[in-house]
């Protein structure tokens, strides 16, 4: 399973499960585990809910802390946030437990 956590940007392709909040990410993660699945890759944004009404103030960092508290890690974690401070915080925690790639999302133009 591949999880894409981002409230605004679409995942790279249809092989990703797109979640837009920490609660949704937790639900998908738990549901996947309950049927014997595993998360191969998770790609996370830091700033969530900036423009929508679904914002509860939590960020991708909060989700990383949730993973840490339960020792649930994907085989590979990508931080695609354009927020350099938030991305660094997320990567610092996750790198203690799993392979981390810092890959800030770069828009492809006027899509």
Protein backbone atom coordinates (compact mmCIF):
# COMPACT_ATOMS: atom_id res chain seq x y z
CA UNK A 1 0.00 0.00 0.00
CA UNK A 2 1.17 3.54 -0.78
CA UNK A 3 -0.22 6.49 1.19
CA UNK A 4 -0.13 10.11 -0.05
CA UNK A 5 -0.91 12.64 2.72
CA UNK A 6 -1.61 16.06 1.23
CA UNK A 7 -4.67 18.28 1.44
CA UNK A 8 -4.13 20.04 -1.90
CA UNK A 9 -1.81 18.22 -4.27
CA UNK A 10 -2.82 15.10 -6.13
CA UNK A 11 -0.68 11.97 -5.84
CA UNK A 12 1.65 11.10 -8.73
CA UNK A 13 -0.63 8.31 -10.01
CA UNK A 14 -3.59 6.10 -9.12
CA UNK A 15 -1.48 3.56 -7.23
CA UNK A 16 -1.49 5.88 -4.19
CA UNK A 17 -4.23 6.15 -1.57
CA UNK A 18 -4.85 9.89 -1.21
CA UNK A 19 -5.66 11.13 2.28
CA UNK A 20 -6.03 14.78 3.19
CA UNK A 21 -5.87 14.79 7.00
CA UNK A 22 -4.07 13.10 9.87
CA UNK A 23 -7.32 11.35 10.90
CA UNK A 24 -7.79 9.94 7.41
CA UNK A 25 -4.17 8.78 7.27
CA UNK A 26 -4.54 7.01 10.62
CA UNK A 27 -7.79 5.32 9.50
CA UNK A 28 -6.29 4.09 6.23
CA UNK A 29 -3.14 2.87 7.98
CA UNK A 30 -5.11 0.93 10.61
CA UNK A 31 -7.52 -0.48 8.02
CA UNK A 32 -4.62 -1.71 5.93
CA UNK A 33 -3.00 -3.40 8.91
CA UNK A 34 -6.30 -5.00 9.97
CA UNK A 35 -6.46 -6.95 6.71
CA UNK A 36 -2.83 -8.03 6.89
CA UNK A 37 -1.47 -5.32 4.62
CA UNK A 38 1.58 -3.17 5.03
CA UNK A 39 2.56 0.31 3.96
CA UNK A 40 5.42 0.18 1.51
CA UNK A 41 5.71 3.93 0.95
CA UNK A 42 4.18 6.97 2.61
CA UNK A 43 4.65 10.43 1.09
CA UNK A 44 3.77 13.24 3.47
CA UNK A 45 3.13 16.95 3.32
CA UNK A 46 3.60 19.05 6.45
CA UNK A 47 1.01 21.82 6.12
CA UNK A 48 -2.50 20.35 5.97
CA UNK A 49 -5.85 22.07 5.69
CA UNK A 50 -4.66 25.52 4.79
CA UNK A 51 -7.54 26.32 2.44
CA UNK A 52 -10.28 23.89 3.37
CA UNK A 53 -12.75 23.54 6.19
CA UNK A 54 -11.34 20.16 7.20
CA UNK A 55 -8.33 21.62 8.99
CA UNK A 56 -7.98 20.67 12.63
CA UNK A 57 -4.60 22.33 12.96
CA UNK A 58 -2.64 19.08 12.82
CA UNK A 59 0.24 18.64 10.42
CA UNK A 60 2.27 15.92 8.77
CA UNK A 61 4.58 16.17 11.77
CA UNK A 62 1.69 15.10 14.02
CA UNK A 63 1.21 12.04 11.82
CA UNK A 64 4.93 11.21 12.04
CA UNK A 65 4.63 11.46 15.84
CA UNK A 66 1.64 9.10 15.70
CA UNK A 67 3.74 6.61 13.71
CA UNK A 68 6.60 6.96 16.19
CA UNK A 69 4.35 6.40 19.20
CA UNK A 70 3.15 3.10 17.75
CA UNK A 71 6.40 2.10 16.03
CA UNK A 72 4.55 1.78 12.71
CA UNK A 73 6.77 2.70 9.82
CA UNK A 74 6.60 2.25 6.07
CA UNK A 75 9.59 0.73 4.36
CA UNK A 76 10.24 4.15 2.85
CA UNK A 77 8.97 7.58 3.84
CA UNK A 78 9.02 10.57 1.51
CA UNK A 79 8.56 14.10 2.83
CA UNK A 80 7.30 16.17 -0.10
CA UNK A 81 6.47 19.34 1.84
CA UNK A 82 7.50 22.76 0.57
CA UNK A 83 7.80 23.90 4.20
CA UNK A 84 11.54 23.42 4.87
CA UNK A 85 11.32 23.68 8.67
CA UNK A 86 8.38 21.28 8.94
CA UNK A 87 9.93 18.87 6.44
CA UNK A 88 13.19 18.80 8.39
CA UNK A 89 11.36 18.10 11.67
CA UNK A 90 9.43 15.23 10.09
CA UNK A 91 12.52 13.72 8.44
CA UNK A 92 14.61 13.97 11.61
CA UNK A 93 12.13 11.90 13.61
CA UNK A 94 11.40 9.36 10.87
CA UNK A 95 15.07 8.82 9.94
CA UNK A 96 15.60 7.13 13.31
CA UNK A 97 13.30 4.32 12.18
CA UNK A 98 13.05 4.08 8.40
CA UNK A 99 14.50 5.23 5.10
CA UNK A 100 13.59 8.88 4.47
CA UNK A 101 13.70 10.92 1.29
CA UNK A 102 13.31 14.70 1.40
CA UNK A 103 11.74 15.62 -1.93
CA UNK A 104 9.98 18.99 -1.87
CA UNK A 105 7.00 19.03 -4.20
CA UNK A 106 7.69 21.15 -7.26
CA UNK A 107 4.66 22.09 -9.37
CA UNK A 108 4.81 21.14 -13.05
CA UNK A 109 3.56 24.45 -14.37
CA UNK A 110 -0.01 25.61 -14.87
CA UNK A 111 -1.70 22.20 -14.51
